[in-house]
Amino acid sequence: MIYLVEDEESIRELVVYTLCSTGLEARGFACAEEFWGAMRASMPSLVLLDIMLPGEDGLEILRRLREAPDTAKLPVMMLTARGTEYDKVRGLELGADDYLAKPPGMMELVARVKRLLRRSETDSEPEEYSVGGLFVSIPRRLVTVNGKEVSLTLKEFGLLAFMLKNSGIVMSRDKLLSAVWGYNYEGETRTVDTHILTLRGKLGECGQVIRTVRGVGYKAGR
């Protein structure tokens, strides 16, 4: 599934129609709020982002995607009518994988989308983890304990995914805050403790996968 965030209805409909007509699945969203709502339900394979959006703009969306463990490597292409070098450089600095000016040529857009999808399939790291009775699929945002699905919030899932990706490595509370909440998050390290406590409770007998390292922080492992 490909998600497109574009506030111009004519472009949004054209891009979604073109992608779907070439055998790809695509959904369009007019604003960041609609996009984040869909992200909570299902993870896409690629995101197309306009920079100029009402409310939260495309660069801010990109920044948040790159700071969250479960979307840090999600392929993102920026679509914008802006032609300044600054916007292109800014998007690339924040982690955009490609950049295409609007209105995009449909054949070029499809070719670039397929290239990004192929690249992500070949160089992606393992995105499913099994530890005892715990199973976590990052692309599907799925967590099960002994085969039973567990519902986690975005931050709880982010914490679990980040710690599993770094299994065996002790993470300080500050490191977890930076990785999951973002470098600009103005919260106390107690936030991490609270979320870990809740996460362990939801995981039940598999909550022991997250271990406390006294005086340092937490680590994931058997």
C-alpha atoms as a PDB file:
ATOM      1  CA  MET A   1       0.000   0.000   0.000  1.00  0.00           C
ATOM      2  CA  ILE A   2       1.217   3.514  -0.916  1.00  0.00           C
ATOM      3  CA  TYR A   3       0.048   6.558   1.041  1.00  0.00           C
ATOM      4  CA  LEU A   4      -0.107   9.966  -0.646  1.00  0.00           C
ATOM      5  CA  VAL A   5      -0.498  13.161   1.416  1.00  0.00           C
ATOM      6  CA  GLU A   6      -1.554  15.934  -0.975  1.00  0.00           C
ATOM      7  CA  ASP A   7      -4.064  18.731  -0.330  1.00  0.00           C
ATOM      8  CA  GLU A   8      -4.756  19.484  -4.013  1.00  0.00           C
ATOM      9  CA  GLU A   9      -7.640  17.185  -4.846  1.00  0.00           C
ATOM     10  CA  SER A  10      -6.998  17.023  -8.611  1.00  0.00           C
ATOM     11  CA  ILE A  11      -3.372  15.932  -8.151  1.00  0.00           C
ATOM     12  CA  ARG A  12      -4.271  13.551  -5.325  1.00  0.00           C
ATOM     13  CA  GLU A  13      -6.918  11.788  -7.400  1.00  0.00           C
ATOM     14  CA  LEU A  14      -4.692  11.614 -10.495  1.00  0.00           C
ATOM     15  CA  VAL A  15      -1.737  10.114  -8.631  1.00  0.00           C
ATOM     16  CA  VAL A  16      -3.859   7.549  -6.771  1.00  0.00           C
ATOM     17  CA  TYR A  17      -5.661   6.577  -9.988  1.00  0.00           C
ATOM     18  CA  THR A  18      -2.386   6.224 -11.901  1.00  0.00           C
ATOM     19  CA  LEU A  19      -0.731   4.086  -9.234  1.00  0.00           C
ATOM     20  CA  CYS A  20      -3.768   1.829  -8.920  1.00  0.00           C
ATOM     21  CA  SER A  21      -4.026   1.452 -12.702  1.00  0.00           C
ATOM     22  CA  THR A  22      -0.446   0.121 -12.815  1.00  0.00           C
ATOM     23  CA  GLY A  23      -1.184  -2.648 -10.341  1.00  0.00           C
ATOM     24  CA  LEU A  24      -0.172  -0.841  -7.153  1.00  0.00           C
ATOM     25  CA  GLU A  25      -2.411  -0.071  -4.188  1.00  0.00           C
ATOM     26  CA  ALA A  26      -2.679   3.568  -3.114  1.00  0.00           C
ATOM     27  CA  ARG A  27      -4.676   5.815  -0.777  1.00  0.00           C
ATOM     28  CA  GLY A  28      -4.767   9.599  -0.717  1.00  0.00           C
ATOM     29  CA  PHE A  29      -5.059  11.963   2.247  1.00  0.00           C
ATOM     30  CA  ALA A  30      -5.687  15.709   2.222  1.00  0.00           C
ATOM     31  CA  CYS A  31      -3.875  16.520   5.467  1.00  0.00           C
ATOM     32  CA  ALA A  32      -1.528  15.190   8.130  1.00  0.00           C
ATOM     33  CA  GLU A  33      -4.353  14.357  10.539  1.00  0.00           C
ATOM     34  CA  GLU A  34      -5.945  11.938   8.060  1.00  0.00           C
ATOM     35  CA  PHE A  35      -2.546  10.415   7.287  1.00  0.00           C
ATOM     36  CA  TRP A  36      -1.612   9.758  10.938  1.00  0.00           C
ATOM     37  CA  GLY A  37      -5.028   8.223  11.510  1.00  0.00           C
ATOM     38  CA  ALA A  38      -4.379   5.737   8.714  1.00  0.00           C
ATOM     39  CA  MET A  39      -0.849   5.063   9.979  1.00  0.00           C
ATOM     40  CA  ARG A  40      -2.238   3.967  13.327  1.00  0.00           C
ATOM     41  CA  ALA A  41      -4.333   1.352  11.555  1.00  0.00           C
ATOM     42  CA  SER A  42      -1.964   0.075   8.864  1.00  0.00           C
ATOM     43  CA  MET A  43       1.641   0.625   7.776  1.00  0.00           C
ATOM     44  CA  PRO A  44       2.225   1.476   4.083  1.00  0.00           C
ATOM     45  CA  SER A  45       5.128   0.304   1.911  1.00  0.00           C
ATOM     46  CA  LEU A  46       5.921   3.839   0.726  1.00  0.00           C
ATOM     47  CA  VAL A  47       4.793   7.427   1.401  1.00  0.00           C
ATOM     48  CA  LEU A  48       4.459  10.288  -1.086  1.00  0.00           C
ATOM     49  CA  LEU A  49       4.535  13.649   0.703  1.00  0.00           C
ATOM     50  CA  ASP A  50       3.698  17.145  -0.482  1.00  0.00           C
ATOM     51  CA  ILE A  51       5.611  19.852   1.400  1.00  0.00           C
ATOM     52  CA  MET A  52       2.935  22.544   1.408  1.00  0.00           C
ATOM     53  CA  LEU A  53       0.070  21.172   3.484  1.00  0.00           C
ATOM     54  CA  PRO A  54      -2.501  22.788   5.772  1.00  0.00           C
ATOM     55  CA  GLY A  55      -1.447  22.499   9.415  1.00  0.00           C
ATOM     56  CA  GLU A  56       1.467  20.096   9.768  1.00  0.00           C
ATOM     57  CA  ASP A  57       3.557  20.315   6.588  1.00  0.00           C
ATOM     58  CA  GLY A  58       5.355  17.554   4.715  1.00  0.00           C
ATOM     59  CA  LEU A  59       8.773  18.244   6.206  1.00  0.00           C
ATOM     60  CA  GLU A  60       7.416  17.907   9.739  1.00  0.00           C
ATOM     61  CA  ILE A  61       5.669  14.654   8.796  1.00  0.00           C
ATOM     62  CA  LEU A  62       8.963  13.399   7.349  1.00  0.00           C
ATOM     63  CA  ARG A  63      10.858  14.351  10.500  1.00  0.00           C
ATOM     64  CA  ARG A  64       8.413  12.435  12.685  1.00  0.00           C
ATOM     65  CA  LEU A  65       8.569   9.380  10.417  1.00  0.00           C
ATOM     66  CA  ARG A  66      12.352   9.290  10.565  1.00  0.00           C
ATOM     67  CA  GLU A  67      12.452   9.656  14.364  1.00  0.00           C
ATOM     68  CA  ALA A  68      10.041   6.770  15.041  1.00  0.00           C
ATOM     69  CA  PRO A  69      11.720   3.326  15.113  1.00  0.00           C
ATOM     70  CA  ASP A  70       8.980   1.568  13.126  1.00  0.00           C
ATOM     71  CA  THR A  71       9.039   4.131  10.263  1.00  0.00           C
ATOM     72  CA  ALA A  72      12.709   5.202  10.296  1.00  0.00           C
ATOM     73  CA  LYS A  73      13.421   3.309   7.064  1.00  0.00           C
ATOM     74  CA  LEU A  74      10.013   3.658   5.428  1.00  0.00           C
ATOM     75  CA  PRO A  75      10.601   4.872   1.815  1.00  0.00           C
ATOM     76  CA  VAL A  76       9.473   8.506   1.395  1.00  0.00           C
ATOM     77  CA  MET A  77       9.308  10.586  -1.792  1.00  0.00           C
ATOM     78  CA  MET A  78       8.681  14.340  -1.560  1.00  0.00           C
ATOM     79  CA  LEU A  79       6.261  15.955  -4.037  1.00  0.00           C
ATOM     80  CA  THR A  80       6.164  19.741  -4.133  1.00  0.00           C
ATOM     81  CA  ALA A  81       5.495  22.686  -6.395  1.00  0.00           C
ATOM     82  CA  ARG A  82       8.367  24.543  -4.778  1.00  0.00           C
ATOM     83  CA  GLY A  83      11.450  24.794  -6.945  1.00  0.00           C
ATOM     84  CA  THR A  84      13.947  26.237  -4.497  1.00  0.00           C
ATOM     85  CA  GLU A  85      17.125  24.307  -3.770  1.00  0.00           C
ATOM     86  CA  TYR A  86      16.612  24.890  -0.039  1.00  0.00           C
ATOM     87  CA  ASP A  87      13.429  22.796   0.104  1.00  0.00           C
ATOM     88  CA  LYS A  88      15.018  19.949  -1.824  1.00  0.00           C
ATOM     89  CA  VAL A  89      18.117  19.941   0.369  1.00  0.00           C
ATOM     90  CA  ARG A  90      16.035  20.233   3.533  1.00  0.00           C
ATOM     91  CA  GLY A  91      13.932  17.226   2.559  1.00  0.00           C
ATOM     92  CA  LEU A  92      16.977  15.141   1.727  1.00  0.00           C
ATOM     93  CA  GLU A  93      18.682  16.141   4.980  1.00  0.00           C
ATOM     94  CA  LEU A  94      15.649  14.958   6.921  1.00  0.00           C
ATOM     95  CA  GLY A  95      15.847  11.576   5.199  1.00  0.00           C
ATOM     96  CA  ALA A  96      13.701  11.731   2.052  1.00  0.00           C
ATOM     97  CA  ASP A  97      14.591   8.953  -0.400  1.00  0.00           C
ATOM     98  CA  ASP A  98      13.598  10.860  -3.538  1.00  0.00           C
ATOM     99  CA  TYR A  99      12.215  14.205  -4.707  1.00  0.00           C
ATOM    100  CA  LEU A 100       9.892  15.065  -7.588  1.00  0.00           C
ATOM    101  CA  ALA A 101       8.476  18.473  -8.559  1.00  0.00           C
ATOM    102  CA  LYS A 102       4.742  18.967  -9.132  1.00  0.00           C
ATOM    103  CA  PRO A 103       2.913  18.415 -11.286  1.00  0.00           C
ATOM    104  CA  PRO A 104       4.812  15.168 -11.715  1.00  0.00           C
ATOM    105  CA  GLY A 105       4.942  13.245 -14.960  1.00  0.00           C
ATOM    106  CA  MET A 106       2.937  10.109 -14.262  1.00  0.00           C
ATOM    107  CA  MET A 107       5.261   7.705 -16.081  1.00  0.00           C
ATOM    108  CA  GLU A 108       8.289   9.069 -14.215  1.00  0.00           C
ATOM    109  CA  LEU A 109       6.419   8.970 -10.897  1.00  0.00           C
ATOM    110  CA  VAL A 110       5.450   5.310 -11.347  1.00  0.00           C
ATOM    111  CA  ALA A 111       8.999   4.388 -12.374  1.00  0.00           C
ATOM    112  CA  ARG A 112      10.502   6.094  -9.322  1.00  0.00           C
ATOM    113  CA  VAL A 113       7.939   4.564  -6.962  1.00  0.00           C
ATOM    114  CA  LYS A 114       8.672   1.068  -8.264  1.00  0.00           C
ATOM    115  CA  ARG A 115      12.413   1.693  -7.958  1.00  0.00           C
ATOM    116  CA  LEU A 116      12.047   2.724  -4.312  1.00  0.00           C
ATOM    117  CA  LEU A 117       9.873  -0.294  -3.568  1.00  0.00           C
ATOM    118  CA  ARG A 118      12.423  -2.657  -5.147  1.00  0.00           C
ATOM    119  CA  ARG A 119      15.261  -1.025  -3.234  1.00  0.00           C
ATOM    120  CA  SER A 120      13.458  -1.287   0.095  1.00  0.00           C
ATOM    121  CA  GLU A 121      12.789  -4.987  -0.508  1.00  0.00           C
ATOM    122  CA  THR A 122      16.454  -5.779  -1.162  1.00  0.00           C
ATOM    123  CA  ASP A 123      18.154  -3.793   1.589  1.00  0.00           C
ATOM    124  CA  SER A 124      15.647  -3.894   4.409  1.00  0.00           C
ATOM    125  CA  GLU A 125      16.661  -5.354   7.765  1.00  0.00           C
ATOM    126  CA  PRO A 126      14.654  -8.093   9.481  1.00  0.00           C
ATOM    127  CA  GLU A 127      11.343  -6.608  10.555  1.00  0.00           C
ATOM    128  CA  GLU A 128       9.774  -9.517  12.402  1.00  0.00           C
ATOM    129  CA  TYR A 129      10.923 -10.713  15.799  1.00  0.00           C
ATOM    130  CA  SER A 130      10.082 -13.770  17.900  1.00  0.00           C
ATOM    131  CA  VAL A 131      11.148 -14.059  21.528  1.00  0.00           C
ATOM    132  CA  GLY A 132       9.538 -16.947  23.346  1.00  0.00           C
ATOM    133  CA  GLY A 133       5.784 -16.483  23.010  1.00  0.00           C
ATOM    134  CA  LEU A 134       6.170 -12.893  21.787  1.00  0.00           C
ATOM    135  CA  PHE A 135       5.900 -12.118  18.064  1.00  0.00           C
ATOM    136  CA  VAL A 136       6.292  -8.614  16.611  1.00  0.00           C
ATOM    137  CA  SER A 137       5.843  -7.626  12.954  1.00  0.00           C
ATOM    138  CA  ILE A 138       6.956  -4.028  12.388  1.00  0.00           C
ATOM    139  CA  PRO A 139       5.538  -3.605   8.833  1.00  0.00           C
ATOM    140  CA  ARG A 140       2.142  -4.897   9.934  1.00  0.00           C
ATOM    141  CA  ARG A 141       2.391  -3.182  13.336  1.00  0.00           C
ATOM    142  CA  LEU A 142       1.313  -6.487  14.825  1.00  0.00           C
ATOM    143  CA  VAL A 143       2.106  -7.811  18.301  1.00  0.00           C
ATOM    144  CA  THR A 144       0.966 -11.195  19.564  1.00  0.00           C
ATOM    145  CA  VAL A 145       1.570 -13.094  22.788  1.00  0.00           C
ATOM    146  CA  ASN A 146       1.112 -16.852  22.443  1.00  0.00           C
ATOM    147  CA  GLY A 147      -0.821 -16.219  19.229  1.00  0.00           C
ATOM    148  CA  LYS A 148      -3.191 -13.667  20.740  1.00  0.00           C
ATOM    149  CA  GLU A 149      -3.016 -10.128  19.348  1.00  0.00           C
ATOM    150  CA  VAL A 150      -2.074  -7.349  21.776  1.00  0.00           C
ATOM    151  CA  SER A 151      -3.172  -3.740  21.218  1.00  0.00           C
ATOM    152  CA  LEU A 152      -0.436  -1.164  21.842  1.00  0.00           C
ATOM    153  CA  THR A 153      -0.352   2.613  21.532  1.00  0.00           C
ATOM    154  CA  LEU A 154       1.996   4.221  18.981  1.00  0.00           C
ATOM    155  CA  LYS A 155       4.629   4.979  21.637  1.00  0.00           C
ATOM    156  CA  GLU A 156       4.374   1.569  23.284  1.00  0.00           C
ATOM    157  CA  PHE A 157       4.878  -0.094  19.917  1.00  0.00           C
ATOM    158  CA  GLY A 158       7.743   2.282  19.130  1.00  0.00           C
ATOM    159  CA  LEU A 159       9.474   1.406  22.389  1.00  0.00           C
ATOM    160  CA  LEU A 160       9.073  -2.319  21.857  1.00  0.00           C
ATOM    161  CA  ALA A 161      10.228  -2.182  18.222  1.00  0.00           C
ATOM    162  CA  PHE A 162      13.271  -0.046  18.997  1.00  0.00           C
ATOM    163  CA  MET A 163      14.366  -2.272  21.864  1.00  0.00           C
ATOM    164  CA  LEU A 164      13.938  -5.465  19.837  1.00  0.00           C
ATOM    165  CA  LYS A 165      15.985  -3.983  16.997  1.00  0.00           C
ATOM    166  CA  ASN A 166      18.701  -3.319  19.558  1.00  0.00           C
ATOM    167  CA  SER A 167      18.250  -6.523  21.529  1.00  0.00           C
ATOM    168  CA  GLY A 168      20.902  -7.080  24.167  1.00  0.00           C
ATOM    169  CA  ILE A 169      22.009  -3.441  24.186  1.00  0.00           C
ATOM    170  CA  VAL A 170      21.316  -1.463  27.350  1.00  0.00           C
ATOM    171  CA  MET A 171      19.372   1.726  26.548  1.00  0.00           C
ATOM    172  CA  SER A 172      19.340   4.715  28.877  1.00  0.00           C
ATOM    173  CA  ARG A 173      16.071   6.522  29.469  1.00  0.00           C
ATOM    174  CA  ASP A 174      17.416   9.568  27.623  1.00  0.00           C
ATOM    175  CA  LYS A 175      18.282   7.381  24.612  1.00  0.00           C
ATOM    176  CA  LEU A 176      14.786   5.924  24.551  1.00  0.00           C
ATOM    177  CA  LEU A 177      13.231   9.378  24.843  1.00  0.00           C
ATOM    178  CA  SER A 178      15.295  10.626  21.923  1.00  0.00           C
ATOM    179  CA  ALA A 179      14.606   7.602  19.727  1.00  0.00           C
ATOM    180  CA  VAL A 180      10.879   7.176  20.345  1.00  0.00           C
ATOM    181  CA  TRP A 181       9.640  10.646  21.285  1.00  0.00           C
ATOM    182  CA  GLY A 182      12.123  12.647  19.225  1.00  0.00           C
ATOM    183  CA  TYR A 183      15.020  14.916  20.113  1.00  0.00           C
ATOM    184  CA  ASN A 184      12.723  17.879  20.679  1.00  0.00           C
ATOM    185  CA  TYR A 185      10.488  16.061  23.146  1.00  0.00           C
ATOM    186  CA  GLU A 186      10.301  18.031  26.369  1.00  0.00           C
ATOM    187  CA  GLY A 187       9.464  15.252  28.760  1.00  0.00           C
ATOM    188  CA  GLU A 188      10.957  13.666  31.822  1.00  0.00           C
ATOM    189  CA  THR A 189      12.638  10.286  31.854  1.00  0.00           C
ATOM    190  CA  ARG A 190       9.803   9.144  34.121  1.00  0.00           C
ATOM    191  CA  THR A 191       7.730   9.039  30.909  1.00  0.00           C
ATOM    192  CA  VAL A 192       9.822   6.068  29.769  1.00  0.00           C
ATOM    193  CA  ASP A 193       9.330   4.225  33.071  1.00  0.00           C
ATOM    194  CA  THR A 194       5.565   4.722  32.879  1.00  0.00           C
ATOM    195  CA  HIS A 195       5.349   3.431  29.305  1.00  0.00           C
ATOM    196  CA  ILE A 196       7.605   0.443  30.059  1.00  0.00           C
ATOM    197  CA  LEU A 197       5.416  -0.484  33.039  1.00  0.00           C
ATOM    198  CA  THR A 198       2.256  -0.328  30.914  1.00  0.00           C
ATOM    199  CA  LEU A 199       3.909  -2.213  28.062  1.00  0.00           C
ATOM    200  CA  ARG A 200       5.017  -5.026  30.341  1.00  0.00           C
ATOM    201  CA  GLY A 201       1.499  -5.291  31.703  1.00  0.00           C
ATOM    202  CA  LYS A 202       0.018  -5.629  28.220  1.00  0.00           C
ATOM    203  CA  LEU A 203       2.590  -8.253  27.221  1.00  0.00           C
ATOM    204  CA  GLY A 204       1.740 -10.348  30.279  1.00  0.00           C
ATOM    205  CA  GLU A 205       4.097 -13.302  30.717  1.00  0.00           C
ATOM    206  CA  CYS A 206       6.200 -11.975  27.815  1.00  0.00           C
ATOM    207  CA  GLY A 207       6.732  -8.655  29.573  1.00  0.00           C
ATOM    208  CA  GLN A 208       9.979 -10.065  30.933  1.00  0.00           C
ATOM    209  CA  VAL A 209      11.509  -9.575  27.472  1.00  0.00           C
ATOM    210  CA  ILE A 210      12.135  -5.981  28.643  1.00  0.00           C
ATOM    211  CA  ARG A 211      14.634  -6.061  31.480  1.00  0.00           C
ATOM    212  CA  THR A 212      15.584  -3.315  33.895  1.00  0.00           C
ATOM    213  CA  VAL A 213      19.286  -2.577  34.246  1.00  0.00           C
ATOM    214  CA  ARG A 214      19.489  -0.862  37.583  1.00  0.00           C
ATOM    215  CA  GLY A 215      21.023   2.599  37.475  1.00  0.00           C
ATOM    216  CA  VAL A 216      21.268   2.584  33.657  1.00  0.00           C
ATOM    217  CA  GLY A 217      18.018   1.870  31.831  1.00  0.00           C
ATOM    218  CA  TYR A 218      16.459  -1.050  29.977  1.00  0.00           C
ATOM    219  CA  LYS A 219      17.335  -3.737  27.467  1.00  0.00           C
ATOM    220  CA  ALA A 220      15.404  -6.338  25.477  1.00  0.00           C
ATOM    221  CA  GLY A 221      16.349  -9.987  25.363  1.00  0.00           C
ATOM    222  CA  ARG A 222      15.635 -13.400  26.746  1.00  0.00           C
END
